[in-house]
Amino acid sequence: KTIELTKSDFLMKIVNYEKNPEEWIYLGDKPAIIDFYASWCGPCKMVAPILEELAAEYEGEIYVYKVNTEQEQELAALFNIRSIPSFLFIPMNDKPQMAMGAMPKSSFKEAIDGVLLKK
């Protein structure tokens, strides 16, 4: 299941940018994808069921988070989200990578296997 993130969740589970503004220190115990979306966004609605499927398929291996950019404007600004959906892929010991725009499931699987799980 995808997990909705608020700013306080983000600071606890992803990265505490208030404590370490200069450095990315990922706090999670598994790689993650963060979907930056809005409720009115058509492409976001198209991708949502794909992310639910991926969350089930990769359960125990990765987290799939969602950030509502309307409710969490500080997080959207922090990552310079200009178009939605935008996706932040967070590997365990590497820099996060941003992807913009709706993608097919095959592209997500490629990114999960290649970037996040390094299969």
PDB file of N, CA and C in Angstrom:
ATOM      1  N   LYS A   1       0.838  -1.195   0.000  1.00  0.00           N
ATOM      2  CA  LYS A   1       0.000   0.000   0.000  1.00  0.00           C
ATOM      3  C   LYS A   1       0.873   1.245   0.000  1.00  0.00           C
ATOM      4  N   THR A   2       0.451   2.234  -0.772  1.00  0.00           N
ATOM      5  CA  THR A   2       1.204   3.494  -0.765  1.00  0.00           C
ATOM      6  C   THR A   2       0.951   4.216   0.560  1.00  0.00           C
ATOM      7  N   ILE A   3       1.918   5.020   0.972  1.00  0.00           N
ATOM      8  CA  ILE A   3       1.876   5.682   2.280  1.00  0.00           C
ATOM      9  C   ILE A   3       1.890   7.196   2.070  1.00  0.00           C
ATOM     10  N   GLU A   4       0.880   7.863   2.578  1.00  0.00           N
ATOM     11  CA  GLU A   4       0.787   9.327   2.479  1.00  0.00           C
ATOM     12  C   GLU A   4       1.782   9.951   3.464  1.00  0.00           C
ATOM     13  N   LEU A   5       2.551  10.939   2.999  1.00  0.00           N
ATOM     14  CA  LEU A   5       3.552  11.595   3.850  1.00  0.00           C
ATOM     15  C   LEU A   5       3.169  13.041   4.133  1.00  0.00           C
ATOM     16  N   THR A   6       3.254  13.432   5.395  1.00  0.00           N
ATOM     17  CA  THR A   6       3.158  14.844   5.771  1.00  0.00           C
ATOM     18  C   THR A   6       4.593  15.336   6.002  1.00  0.00           C
ATOM     19  N   LYS A   7       4.725  16.615   6.260  1.00  0.00           N
ATOM     20  CA  LYS A   7       6.068  17.149   6.517  1.00  0.00           C
ATOM     21  C   LYS A   7       6.697  16.459   7.739  1.00  0.00           C
ATOM     22  N   SER A   8       5.930  16.267   8.808  1.00  0.00           N
ATOM     23  CA  SER A   8       6.515  15.649  10.011  1.00  0.00           C
ATOM     24  C   SER A   8       6.921  14.199   9.745  1.00  0.00           C
ATOM     25  N   ASP A   9       6.103  13.459   8.954  1.00  0.00           N
ATOM     26  CA  ASP A   9       6.490  12.099   8.561  1.00  0.00           C
ATOM     27  C   ASP A   9       7.781  12.133   7.755  1.00  0.00           C
ATOM     28  N   PHE A  10       7.850  13.081   6.836  1.00  0.00           N
ATOM     29  CA  PHE A  10       9.007  13.216   5.946  1.00  0.00           C
ATOM     30  C   PHE A  10      10.280  13.423   6.772  1.00  0.00           C
ATOM     31  N   LEU A  11      10.205  14.311   7.758  1.00  0.00           N
ATOM     32  CA  LEU A  11      11.369  14.607   8.601  1.00  0.00           C
ATOM     33  C   LEU A  11      11.813  13.378   9.400  1.00  0.00           C
ATOM     34  N   MET A  12      10.861  12.506   9.745  1.00  0.00           N
ATOM     35  CA  MET A  12      11.189  11.306  10.534  1.00  0.00           C
ATOM     36  C   MET A  12      11.596  10.115   9.673  1.00  0.00           C
ATOM     37  N   LYS A  13      10.941   9.953   8.498  1.00  0.00           N
ATOM     38  CA  LYS A  13      11.139   8.733   7.709  1.00  0.00           C
ATOM     39  C   LYS A  13      12.062   8.891   6.516  1.00  0.00           C
ATOM     40  N   ILE A  14      12.170  10.120   5.980  1.00  0.00           N
ATOM     41  CA  ILE A  14      12.934  10.302   4.744  1.00  0.00           C
ATOM     42  C   ILE A  14      14.255  11.023   5.025  1.00  0.00           C
ATOM     43  N   VAL A  15      14.151  12.311   5.292  1.00  0.00           N
ATOM     44  CA  VAL A  15      15.373  13.068   5.579  1.00  0.00           C
ATOM     45  C   VAL A  15      14.993  14.264   6.451  1.00  0.00           C
ATOM     46  N   ASN A  16      15.793  14.513   7.485  1.00  0.00           N
ATOM     47  CA  ASN A  16      15.517  15.656   8.338  1.00  0.00           C
ATOM     48  C   ASN A  16      16.310  16.849   7.805  1.00  0.00           C
ATOM     49  N   TYR A  17      15.697  17.545   6.838  1.00  0.00           N
ATOM     50  CA  TYR A  17      16.388  18.666   6.190  1.00  0.00           C
ATOM     51  C   TYR A  17      16.476  19.885   7.102  1.00  0.00           C
ATOM     52  N   GLU A  18      15.711  19.907   8.189  1.00  0.00           N
ATOM     53  CA  GLU A  18      15.837  21.019   9.133  1.00  0.00           C
ATOM     54  C   GLU A  18      17.098  20.846   9.971  1.00  0.00           C
ATOM     55  N   LYS A  19      17.408  19.594  10.324  1.00  0.00           N
ATOM     56  CA  LYS A  19      18.599  19.295  11.131  1.00  0.00           C
ATOM     57  C   LYS A  19      19.869  19.294  10.271  1.00  0.00           C
ATOM     58  N   ASN A  20      19.772  18.733   9.054  1.00  0.00           N
ATOM     59  CA  ASN A  20      20.929  18.639   8.150  1.00  0.00           C
ATOM     60  C   ASN A  20      20.595  19.258   6.794  1.00  0.00           C
ATOM     61  N   PRO A  21      20.525  20.595   6.725  1.00  0.00           N
ATOM     62  CA  PRO A  21      20.095  21.211   5.462  1.00  0.00           C
ATOM     63  C   PRO A  21      21.082  21.021   4.310  1.00  0.00           C
ATOM     64  N   GLU A  22      22.344  20.776   4.622  1.00  0.00           N
ATOM     65  CA  GLU A  22      23.369  20.685   3.583  1.00  0.00           C
ATOM     66  C   GLU A  22      23.575  19.274   3.058  1.00  0.00           C
ATOM     67  N   GLU A  23      23.045  18.292   3.796  1.00  0.00           N
ATOM     68  CA  GLU A  23      23.421  16.917   3.489  1.00  0.00           C
ATOM     69  C   GLU A  23      22.192  16.024   3.408  1.00  0.00           C
ATOM     70  N   TRP A  24      22.184  15.134   2.414  1.00  0.00           N
ATOM     71  CA  TRP A  24      21.106  14.163   2.286  1.00  0.00           C
ATOM     72  C   TRP A  24      21.470  12.935   3.112  1.00  0.00           C
ATOM     73  N   ILE A  25      20.775  12.746   4.229  1.00  0.00           N
ATOM     74  CA  ILE A  25      20.978  11.552   5.049  1.00  0.00           C
ATOM     75  C   ILE A  25      19.635  10.833   5.114  1.00  0.00           C
ATOM     76  N   TYR A  26      19.500   9.793   4.289  1.00  0.00           N
ATOM     77  CA  TYR A  26      18.237   9.062   4.210  1.00  0.00           C
ATOM     78  C   TYR A  26      18.012   8.276   5.496  1.00  0.00           C
ATOM     79  N   LEU A  27      16.815   8.419   6.067  1.00  0.00           N
ATOM     80  CA  LEU A  27      16.510   7.805   7.359  1.00  0.00           C
ATOM     81  C   LEU A  27      15.779   6.468   7.237  1.00  0.00           C
ATOM     82  N   GLY A  28      15.406   6.094   6.025  1.00  0.00           N
ATOM     83  CA  GLY A  28      14.634   4.861   5.837  1.00  0.00           C
ATOM     84  C   GLY A  28      15.485   3.605   5.918  1.00  0.00           C
ATOM     85  N   ASP A  29      14.810   2.473   6.087  1.00  0.00           N
ATOM     86  CA  ASP A  29      15.516   1.185   6.144  1.00  0.00           C
ATOM     87  C   ASP A  29      15.343   0.390   4.843  1.00  0.00           C
ATOM     88  N   LYS A  30      14.634   0.962   3.862  1.00  0.00           N
ATOM     89  CA  LYS A  30      14.479   0.356   2.529  1.00  0.00           C
ATOM     90  C   LYS A  30      14.479   1.482   1.505  1.00  0.00           C
ATOM     91  N   PRO A  31      14.848   1.180   0.256  1.00  0.00           N
ATOM     92  CA  PRO A  31      14.738   2.195  -0.796  1.00  0.00           C
ATOM     93  C   PRO A  31      13.285   2.657  -0.918  1.00  0.00           C
ATOM     94  N   ALA A  32      13.083   3.834  -1.522  1.00  0.00           N
ATOM     95  CA  ALA A  32      11.726   4.386  -1.601  1.00  0.00           C
ATOM     96  C   ALA A  32      11.501   5.153  -2.895  1.00  0.00           C
ATOM     97  N   ILE A  33      10.211   5.274  -3.225  1.00  0.00           N
ATOM     98  CA  ILE A  33       9.772   6.178  -4.287  1.00  0.00           C
ATOM     99  C   ILE A  33       8.816   7.158  -3.611  1.00  0.00           C
ATOM    100  N   ILE A  34       8.969   8.437  -3.919  1.00  0.00           N
ATOM    101  CA  ILE A  34       7.995   9.419  -3.451  1.00  0.00           C
ATOM    102  C   ILE A  34       7.290  10.001  -4.668  1.00  0.00           C
ATOM    103  N   ASP A  35       5.973   9.892  -4.665  1.00  0.00           N
ATOM    104  CA  ASP A  35       5.122  10.441  -5.723  1.00  0.00           C
ATOM    105  C   ASP A  35       4.618  11.799  -5.263  1.00  0.00           C
ATOM    106  N   PHE A  36       5.062  12.865  -5.929  1.00  0.00           N
ATOM    107  CA  PHE A  36       4.547  14.206  -5.664  1.00  0.00           C
ATOM    108  C   PHE A  36       3.360  14.421  -6.593  1.00  0.00           C
ATOM    109  N   TYR A  37       2.171  14.586  -6.022  1.00  0.00           N
ATOM    110  CA  TYR A  37       0.955  14.631  -6.825  1.00  0.00           C
ATOM    111  C   TYR A  37       0.001  15.724  -6.326  1.00  0.00           C
ATOM    112  N   ALA A  38      -1.099  15.911  -7.056  1.00  0.00           N
ATOM    113  CA  ALA A  38      -2.203  16.760  -6.603  1.00  0.00           C
ATOM    114  C   ALA A  38      -3.506  16.058  -6.964  1.00  0.00           C
ATOM    115  N   SER A  39      -4.540  16.312  -6.177  1.00  0.00           N
ATOM    116  CA  SER A  39      -5.808  15.602  -6.364  1.00  0.00           C
ATOM    117  C   SER A  39      -6.472  15.927  -7.704  1.00  0.00           C
ATOM    118  N   TRP A  40      -6.223  17.116  -8.259  1.00  0.00           N
ATOM    119  CA  TRP A  40      -6.869  17.531  -9.509  1.00  0.00           C
ATOM    120  C   TRP A  40      -6.091  17.103 -10.752  1.00  0.00           C
ATOM    121  N   CYS A  41      -4.938  16.475 -10.573  1.00  0.00           N
ATOM    122  CA  CYS A  41      -4.023  16.196 -11.697  1.00  0.00           C
ATOM    123  C   CYS A  41      -4.398  14.890 -12.402  1.00  0.00           C
ATOM    124  N   GLY A  42      -4.769  14.980 -13.670  1.00  0.00           N
ATOM    125  CA  GLY A  42      -5.168  13.808 -14.461  1.00  0.00           C
ATOM    126  C   GLY A  42      -4.095  12.732 -14.550  1.00  0.00           C
ATOM    127  N   PRO A  43      -2.873  13.089 -14.998  1.00  0.00           N
ATOM    128  CA  PRO A  43      -1.806  12.078 -15.085  1.00  0.00           C
ATOM    129  C   PRO A  43      -1.498  11.440 -13.722  1.00  0.00           C
ATOM    130  N   CYS A  44      -1.645  12.215 -12.636  1.00  0.00           N
ATOM    131  CA  CYS A  44      -1.408  11.656 -11.290  1.00  0.00           C
ATOM    132  C   CYS A  44      -2.415  10.542 -11.009  1.00  0.00           C
ATOM    133  N   LYS A  45      -3.664  10.771 -11.421  1.00  0.00           N
ATOM    134  CA  LYS A  45      -4.716   9.770 -11.202  1.00  0.00           C
ATOM    135  C   LYS A  45      -4.462   8.516 -12.033  1.00  0.00           C
ATOM    136  N   MET A  46      -3.854   8.692 -13.208  1.00  0.00           N
ATOM    137  CA  MET A  46      -3.537   7.536 -14.052  1.00  0.00           C
ATOM    138  C   MET A  46      -2.432   6.682 -13.428  1.00  0.00           C
ATOM    139  N   VAL A  47      -1.482   7.327 -12.787  1.00  0.00           N
ATOM    140  CA  VAL A  47      -0.323   6.632 -12.217  1.00  0.00           C
ATOM    141  C   VAL A  47      -0.649   5.993 -10.860  1.00  0.00           C
ATOM    142  N   ALA A  48      -1.615   6.551 -10.141  1.00  0.00           N
ATOM    143  CA  ALA A  48      -1.927   6.082  -8.777  1.00  0.00           C
ATOM    144  C   ALA A  48      -2.154   4.571  -8.683  1.00  0.00           C
ATOM    145  N   PRO A  49      -2.994   3.961  -9.566  1.00  0.00           N
ATOM    146  CA  PRO A  49      -3.182   2.503  -9.447  1.00  0.00           C
ATOM    147  C   PRO A  49      -1.905   1.707  -9.755  1.00  0.00           C
ATOM    148  N   ILE A  50      -1.053   2.240 -10.639  1.00  0.00           N
ATOM    149  CA  ILE A  50       0.226   1.575 -10.951  1.00  0.00           C
ATOM    150  C   ILE A  50       1.096   1.542  -9.697  1.00  0.00           C
ATOM    151  N   LEU A  51       1.133   2.671  -8.975  1.00  0.00           N
ATOM    152  CA  LEU A  51       1.946   2.740  -7.752  1.00  0.00           C
ATOM    153  C   LEU A  51       1.411   1.794  -6.681  1.00  0.00           C
ATOM    154  N   GLU A  52       0.075   1.666  -6.603  1.00  0.00           N
ATOM    155  CA  GLU A  52      -0.513   0.716  -5.640  1.00  0.00           C
ATOM    156  C   GLU A  52      -0.072  -0.710  -5.989  1.00  0.00           C
ATOM    157  N   GLU A  53      -0.105  -1.049  -7.289  1.00  0.00           N
ATOM    158  CA  GLU A  53       0.328  -2.383  -7.733  1.00  0.00           C
ATOM    159  C   GLU A  53       1.795  -2.618  -7.380  1.00  0.00           C
ATOM    160  N   LEU A  54       2.633  -1.610  -7.641  1.00  0.00           N
ATOM    161  CA  LEU A  54       4.066  -1.741  -7.359  1.00  0.00           C
ATOM    162  C   LEU A  54       4.324  -1.877  -5.867  1.00  0.00           C
ATOM    163  N   ALA A  55       3.569  -1.123  -5.063  1.00  0.00           N
ATOM    164  CA  ALA A  55       3.727  -1.204  -3.603  1.00  0.00           C
ATOM    165  C   ALA A  55       3.429  -2.630  -3.134  1.00  0.00           C
ATOM    166  N   ALA A  56       2.426  -3.272  -3.740  1.00  0.00           N
ATOM    167  CA  ALA A  56       2.081  -4.653  -3.380  1.00  0.00           C
ATOM    168  C   ALA A  56       3.135  -5.626  -3.905  1.00  0.00           C
ATOM    169  N   GLU A  57       3.553  -5.415  -5.163  1.00  0.00           N
ATOM    170  CA  GLU A  57       4.532  -6.315  -5.790  1.00  0.00           C
ATOM    171  C   GLU A  57       5.879  -6.305  -5.074  1.00  0.00           C
ATOM    172  N   TYR A  58       6.294  -5.138  -4.653  1.00  0.00           N
ATOM    173  CA  TYR A  58       7.622  -4.986  -4.027  1.00  0.00           C
ATOM    174  C   TYR A  58       7.523  -4.834  -2.511  1.00  0.00           C
ATOM    175  N   GLU A  59       6.420  -5.291  -1.945  1.00  0.00           N
ATOM    176  CA  GLU A  59       6.221  -5.179  -0.496  1.00  0.00           C
ATOM    177  C   GLU A  59       7.386  -5.837   0.239  1.00  0.00           C
ATOM    178  N   GLY A  60       7.893  -5.138   1.259  1.00  0.00           N
ATOM    179  CA  GLY A  60       9.032  -5.666   2.000  1.00  0.00           C
ATOM    180  C   GLY A  60      10.377  -5.297   1.394  1.00  0.00           C
ATOM    181  N   GLU A  61      10.354  -4.809   0.127  1.00  0.00           N
ATOM    182  CA  GLU A  61      11.612  -4.439  -0.541  1.00  0.00           C
ATOM    183  C   GLU A  61      11.785  -2.922  -0.646  1.00  0.00           C
ATOM    184  N   ILE A  62      10.668  -2.226  -0.935  1.00  0.00           N
ATOM    185  CA  ILE A  62      10.723  -0.762  -1.062  1.00  0.00           C
ATOM    186  C   ILE A  62       9.487  -0.146  -0.395  1.00  0.00           C
ATOM    187  N   TYR A  63       9.564   1.160  -0.159  1.00  0.00           N
ATOM    188  CA  TYR A  63       8.397   1.943   0.276  1.00  0.00           C
ATOM    189  C   TYR A  63       7.919   2.756  -0.913  1.00  0.00           C
ATOM    190  N   VAL A  64       6.601   2.920  -1.016  1.00  0.00           N
ATOM    191  CA  VAL A  64       6.041   3.833  -2.014  1.00  0.00           C
ATOM    192  C   VAL A  64       5.252   4.885  -1.247  1.00  0.00           C
ATOM    193  N   TYR A  65       5.790   6.107  -1.257  1.00  0.00           N
ATOM    194  CA  TYR A  65       5.185   7.221  -0.537  1.00  0.00           C
ATOM    195  C   TYR A  65       4.501   8.173  -1.506  1.00  0.00           C
ATOM    196  N   LYS A  66       3.543   8.944  -0.978  1.00  0.00           N
ATOM    197  CA  LYS A  66       2.868   9.964  -1.767  1.00  0.00           C
ATOM    198  C   LYS A  66       2.892  11.270  -0.985  1.00  0.00           C
ATOM    199  N   VAL A  67       3.170  12.379  -1.682  1.00  0.00           N
ATOM    200  CA  VAL A  67       3.125  13.702  -1.071  1.00  0.00           C
ATOM    201  C   VAL A  67       2.138  14.548  -1.869  1.00  0.00           C
ATOM    202  N   ASN A  68       1.087  15.013  -1.191  1.00  0.00           N
ATOM    203  CA  ASN A  68       0.115  15.901  -1.821  1.00  0.00           C
ATOM    204  C   ASN A  68       0.721  17.307  -1.861  1.00  0.00           C
ATOM    205  N   THR A  69       1.058  17.775  -3.065  1.00  0.00           N
ATOM    206  CA  THR A  69       1.791  19.041  -3.201  1.00  0.00           C
ATOM    207  C   THR A  69       0.939  20.251  -2.809  1.00  0.00           C
ATOM    208  N   GLU A  70      -0.378  20.092  -2.789  1.00  0.00           N
ATOM    209  CA  GLU A  70      -1.233  21.202  -2.361  1.00  0.00           C
ATOM    210  C   GLU A  70      -1.199  21.354  -0.846  1.00  0.00           C
ATOM    211  N   GLN A  71      -1.171  20.217  -0.138  1.00  0.00           N
ATOM    212  CA  GLN A  71      -1.162  20.258   1.323  1.00  0.00           C
ATOM    213  C   GLN A  71       0.253  20.434   1.876  1.00  0.00           C
ATOM    214  N   GLU A  72       1.247  19.949   1.138  1.00  0.00           N
ATOM    215  CA  GLU A  72       2.638  19.978   1.625  1.00  0.00           C
ATOM    216  C   GLU A  72       3.487  20.862   0.701  1.00  0.00           C
ATOM    217  N   GLN A  73       3.150  22.144   0.679  1.00  0.00           N
ATOM    218  CA  GLN A  73       3.817  23.061  -0.252  1.00  0.00           C
ATOM    219  C   GLN A  73       5.295  23.255   0.066  1.00  0.00           C
ATOM    220  N   GLU A  74       5.644  23.157   1.338  1.00  0.00           N
ATOM    221  CA  GLU A  74       7.061  23.305   1.719  1.00  0.00           C
ATOM    222  C   GLU A  74       7.896  22.169   1.111  1.00  0.00           C
ATOM    223  N   LEU A  75       7.365  20.941   1.161  1.00  0.00           N
ATOM    224  CA  LEU A  75       8.088  19.803   0.576  1.00  0.00           C
ATOM    225  C   LEU A  75       8.187  19.952  -0.937  1.00  0.00           C
ATOM    226  N   ALA A  76       7.101  20.389  -1.559  1.00  0.00           N
ATOM    227  CA  ALA A  76       7.106  20.591  -3.016  1.00  0.00           C
ATOM    228  C   ALA A  76       8.154  21.639  -3.387  1.00  0.00           C
ATOM    229  N   ALA A  77       8.232  22.710  -2.613  1.00  0.00           N
ATOM    230  CA  ALA A  77       9.210  23.780  -2.883  1.00  0.00           C
ATOM    231  C   ALA A  77      10.634  23.280  -2.650  1.00  0.00           C
ATOM    232  N   LEU A  78      10.819  22.506  -1.598  1.00  0.00           N
ATOM    233  CA  LEU A  78      12.137  21.976  -1.257  1.00  0.00           C
ATOM    234  C   LEU A  78      12.736  21.183  -2.419  1.00  0.00           C
ATOM    235  N   PHE A  79      11.882  20.427  -3.134  1.00  0.00           N
ATOM    236  CA  PHE A  79      12.354  19.601  -4.250  1.00  0.00           C
ATOM    237  C   PHE A  79      12.101  20.257  -5.610  1.00  0.00           C
ATOM    238  N   ASN A  80      11.789  21.559  -5.586  1.00  0.00           N
ATOM    239  CA  ASN A  80      11.553  22.310  -6.828  1.00  0.00           C
ATOM    240  C   ASN A  80      10.564  21.603  -7.748  1.00  0.00           C
ATOM    241  N   ILE A  81       9.470  21.133  -7.181  1.00  0.00           N
ATOM    242  CA  ILE A  81       8.460  20.446  -7.990  1.00  0.00           C
ATOM    243  C   ILE A  81       7.741  21.499  -8.833  1.00  0.00           C
ATOM    244  N   ARG A  82       7.934  21.437 -10.140  1.00  0.00           N
ATOM    245  CA  ARG A  82       7.314  22.396 -11.056  1.00  0.00           C
ATOM    246  C   ARG A  82       6.190  21.741 -11.856  1.00  0.00           C
ATOM    247  N   SER A  83       6.318  20.438 -12.083  1.00  0.00           N
ATOM    248  CA  SER A  83       5.263  19.735 -12.801  1.00  0.00           C
ATOM    249  C   SER A  83       4.955  18.446 -12.044  1.00  0.00           C
ATOM    250  N   ILE A  84       3.699  18.066 -12.099  1.00  0.00           N
ATOM    251  CA  ILE A  84       3.301  16.840 -11.418  1.00  0.00           C
ATOM    252  C   ILE A  84       2.637  15.920 -12.426  1.00  0.00           C
ATOM    253  N   PRO A  85       2.732  14.627 -12.250  1.00  0.00           N
ATOM    254  CA  PRO A  85       3.440  14.001 -11.139  1.00  0.00           C
ATOM    255  C   PRO A  85       4.959  14.070 -11.315  1.00  0.00           C
ATOM    256  N   SER A  86       5.641  14.132 -10.187  1.00  0.00           N
ATOM    257  CA  SER A  86       7.097  14.003 -10.153  1.00  0.00           C
ATOM    258  C   SER A  86       7.419  12.900  -9.158  1.00  0.00           C
ATOM    259  N   PHE A  87       8.474  12.159  -9.445  1.00  0.00           N
ATOM    260  CA  PHE A  87       8.819  11.011  -8.616  1.00  0.00           C
ATOM    261  C   PHE A  87      10.261  11.107  -8.153  1.00  0.00           C
ATOM    262  N   LEU A  88      10.455  10.924  -6.871  1.00  0.00           N
ATOM    263  CA  LEU A  88      11.803  10.908  -6.306  1.00  0.00           C
ATOM    264  C   LEU A  88      12.138   9.460  -5.975  1.00  0.00           C
ATOM    265  N   PHE A  89      13.170   8.938  -6.638  1.00  0.00           N
ATOM    266  CA  PHE A  89      13.637   7.575  -6.393  1.00  0.00           C
ATOM    267  C   PHE A  89      14.790   7.660  -5.407  1.00  0.00           C
ATOM    268  N   ILE A  90      14.655   6.974  -4.267  1.00  0.00           N
ATOM    269  CA  ILE A  90      15.648   7.073  -3.197  1.00  0.00           C
ATOM    270  C   ILE A  90      16.306   5.719  -2.956  1.00  0.00           C
ATOM    271  N   PRO A  91      17.526   5.520  -3.505  1.00  0.00           N
ATOM    272  CA  PRO A  91      18.252   4.281  -3.190  1.00  0.00           C
ATOM    273  C   PRO A  91      18.815   4.363  -1.774  1.00  0.00           C
ATOM    274  N   MET A  92      19.260   3.241  -1.238  1.00  0.00           N
ATOM    275  CA  MET A  92      19.764   3.224   0.142  1.00  0.00           C
ATOM    276  C   MET A  92      21.040   4.037   0.328  1.00  0.00           C
ATOM    277  N   ASN A  93      22.037   3.819  -0.528  1.00  0.00           N
ATOM    278  CA  ASN A  93      23.335   4.450  -0.294  1.00  0.00           C
ATOM    279  C   ASN A  93      23.786   5.296  -1.467  1.00  0.00           C
ATOM    280  N   ASP A  94      22.859   6.035  -2.019  1.00  0.00           N
ATOM    281  CA  ASP A  94      23.174   6.835  -3.192  1.00  0.00           C
ATOM    282  C   ASP A  94      22.324   8.094  -3.171  1.00  0.00           C
ATOM    283  N   LYS A  95      22.620   9.002  -4.077  1.00  0.00           N
ATOM    284  CA  LYS A  95      21.828  10.226  -4.150  1.00  0.00           C
ATOM    285  C   LYS A  95      20.462   9.920  -4.773  1.00  0.00           C
ATOM    286  N   PRO A  96      19.421  10.607  -4.290  1.00  0.00           N
ATOM    287  CA  PRO A  96      18.101  10.406  -4.885  1.00  0.00           C
ATOM    288  C   PRO A  96      18.049  10.957  -6.310  1.00  0.00           C
ATOM    289  N   GLN A  97      17.158  10.399  -7.110  1.00  0.00           N
ATOM    290  CA  GLN A  97      17.003  10.844  -8.497  1.00  0.00           C
ATOM    291  C   GLN A  97      15.548  11.212  -8.747  1.00  0.00           C
ATOM    292  N   MET A  98      15.347  12.327  -9.452  1.00  0.00           N
ATOM    293  CA  MET A  98      14.001  12.812  -9.738  1.00  0.00           C
ATOM    294  C   MET A  98      13.611  12.442 -11.168  1.00  0.00           C
ATOM    295  N   ALA A  99      12.359  12.046 -11.344  1.00  0.00           N
ATOM    296  CA  ALA A  99      11.803  11.809 -12.677  1.00  0.00           C
ATOM    297  C   ALA A  99      10.486  12.570 -12.749  1.00  0.00           C
ATOM    298  N   MET A 100      10.211  13.168 -13.912  1.00  0.00           N
ATOM    299  CA  MET A 100       8.991  13.946 -14.037  1.00  0.00           C
ATOM    300  C   MET A 100       8.051  13.355 -15.062  1.00  0.00           C
ATOM    301  N   GLY A 101       6.761  13.481 -14.783  1.00  0.00           N
ATOM    302  CA  GLY A 101       5.735  13.042 -15.724  1.00  0.00           C
ATOM    303  C   GLY A 101       5.307  11.609 -15.485  1.00  0.00           C
ATOM    304  N   ALA A 102       4.102  11.311 -15.932  1.00  0.00           N
ATOM    305  CA  ALA A 102       3.544   9.966 -15.790  1.00  0.00           C
ATOM    306  C   ALA A 102       4.396   8.981 -16.589  1.00  0.00           C
ATOM    307  N   MET A 103       4.599   7.806 -16.032  1.00  0.00           N
ATOM    308  CA  MET A 103       5.405   6.776 -16.702  1.00  0.00           C
ATOM    309  C   MET A 103       4.607   5.478 -16.718  1.00  0.00           C
ATOM    310  N   PRO A 104       4.881   4.614 -17.696  1.00  0.00           N
ATOM    311  CA  PRO A 104       4.240   3.294 -17.678  1.00  0.00           C
ATOM    312  C   PRO A 104       4.855   2.424 -16.581  1.00  0.00           C
ATOM    313  N   LYS A 105       4.129   1.376 -16.213  1.00  0.00           N
ATOM    314  CA  LYS A 105       4.586   0.484 -15.147  1.00  0.00           C
ATOM    315  C   LYS A 105       5.974  -0.078 -15.449  1.00  0.00           C
ATOM    316  N   SER A 106       6.229  -0.396 -16.729  1.00  0.00           N
ATOM    317  CA  SER A 106       7.525  -0.978 -17.097  1.00  0.00           C
ATOM    318  C   SER A 106       8.683  -0.034 -16.754  1.00  0.00           C
ATOM    319  N   SER A 107       8.468   1.278 -16.923  1.00  0.00           N
ATOM    320  CA  SER A 107       9.529   2.253 -16.591  1.00  0.00           C
ATOM    321  C   SER A 107       9.767   2.309 -15.089  1.00  0.00           C
ATOM    322  N   PHE A 108       8.686   2.239 -14.317  1.00  0.00           N
ATOM    323  CA  PHE A 108       8.848   2.206 -12.861  1.00  0.00           C
ATOM    324  C   PHE A 108       9.621   0.960 -12.442  1.00  0.00           C
ATOM    325  N   LYS A 109       9.253  -0.193 -13.023  1.00  0.00           N
ATOM    326  CA  LYS A 109       9.926  -1.454 -12.658  1.00  0.00           C
ATOM    327  C   LYS A 109      11.414  -1.390 -12.999  1.00  0.00           C
ATOM    328  N   GLU A 110      11.727  -0.795 -14.157  1.00  0.00           N
ATOM    329  CA  GLU A 110      13.121  -0.624 -14.575  1.00  0.00           C
ATOM    330  C   GLU A 110      13.880   0.215 -13.548  1.00  0.00           C
ATOM    331  N   ALA A 111      13.271   1.321 -13.119  1.00  0.00           N
ATOM    332  CA  ALA A 111      13.914   2.211 -12.143  1.00  0.00           C
ATOM    333  C   ALA A 111      14.037   1.520 -10.784  1.00  0.00           C
ATOM    334  N   ILE A 112      12.997   0.801 -10.382  1.00  0.00           N
ATOM    335  CA  ILE A 112      13.036   0.108  -9.091  1.00  0.00           C
ATOM    336  C   ILE A 112      14.142  -0.951  -9.104  1.00  0.00           C
ATOM    337  N   ASP A 113      14.149  -1.787 -10.136  1.00  0.00           N
ATOM    338  CA  ASP A 113      15.139  -2.863 -10.197  1.00  0.00           C
ATOM    339  C   ASP A 113      16.552  -2.325 -10.403  1.00  0.00           C
ATOM    340  N   GLY A 114      16.695  -1.306 -11.268  1.00  0.00           N
ATOM    341  CA  GLY A 114      18.030  -0.789 -11.606  1.00  0.00           C
ATOM    342  C   GLY A 114      18.592   0.200 -10.616  1.00  0.00           C
ATOM    343  N   VAL A 115      17.775   1.194 -10.215  1.00  0.00           N
ATOM    344  CA  VAL A 115      18.268   2.280  -9.351  1.00  0.00           C
ATOM    345  C   VAL A 115      18.112   1.935  -7.874  1.00  0.00           C
ATOM    346  N   LEU A 116      16.938   1.410  -7.508  1.00  0.00           N
ATOM    347  CA  LEU A 116      16.662   1.198  -6.086  1.00  0.00           C
ATOM    348  C   LEU A 116      17.215  -0.130  -5.563  1.00  0.00           C
ATOM    349  N   LEU A 117      16.948  -1.213  -6.290  1.00  0.00           N
ATOM    350  CA  LEU A 117      17.350  -2.541  -5.800  1.00  0.00           C
ATOM    351  C   LEU A 117      18.639  -3.033  -6.439  1.00  0.00           C
ATOM    352  N   LYS A 118      19.087  -2.349  -7.465  1.00  0.00           N
ATOM    353  CA  LYS A 118      20.333  -2.680  -8.180  1.00  0.00           C
ATOM    354  C   LYS A 118      20.388  -4.176  -8.549  1.00  0.00           C
ATOM    355  N   LYS A 119      19.296  -4.665  -9.145  1.00  0.00           N
ATOM    356  CA  LYS A 119      19.224  -6.084  -9.529  1.00  0.00           C
ATOM    357  C   LYS A 119      19.983  -6.323 -10.821  1.00  0.00           C
TER     358      LYS A 119
END
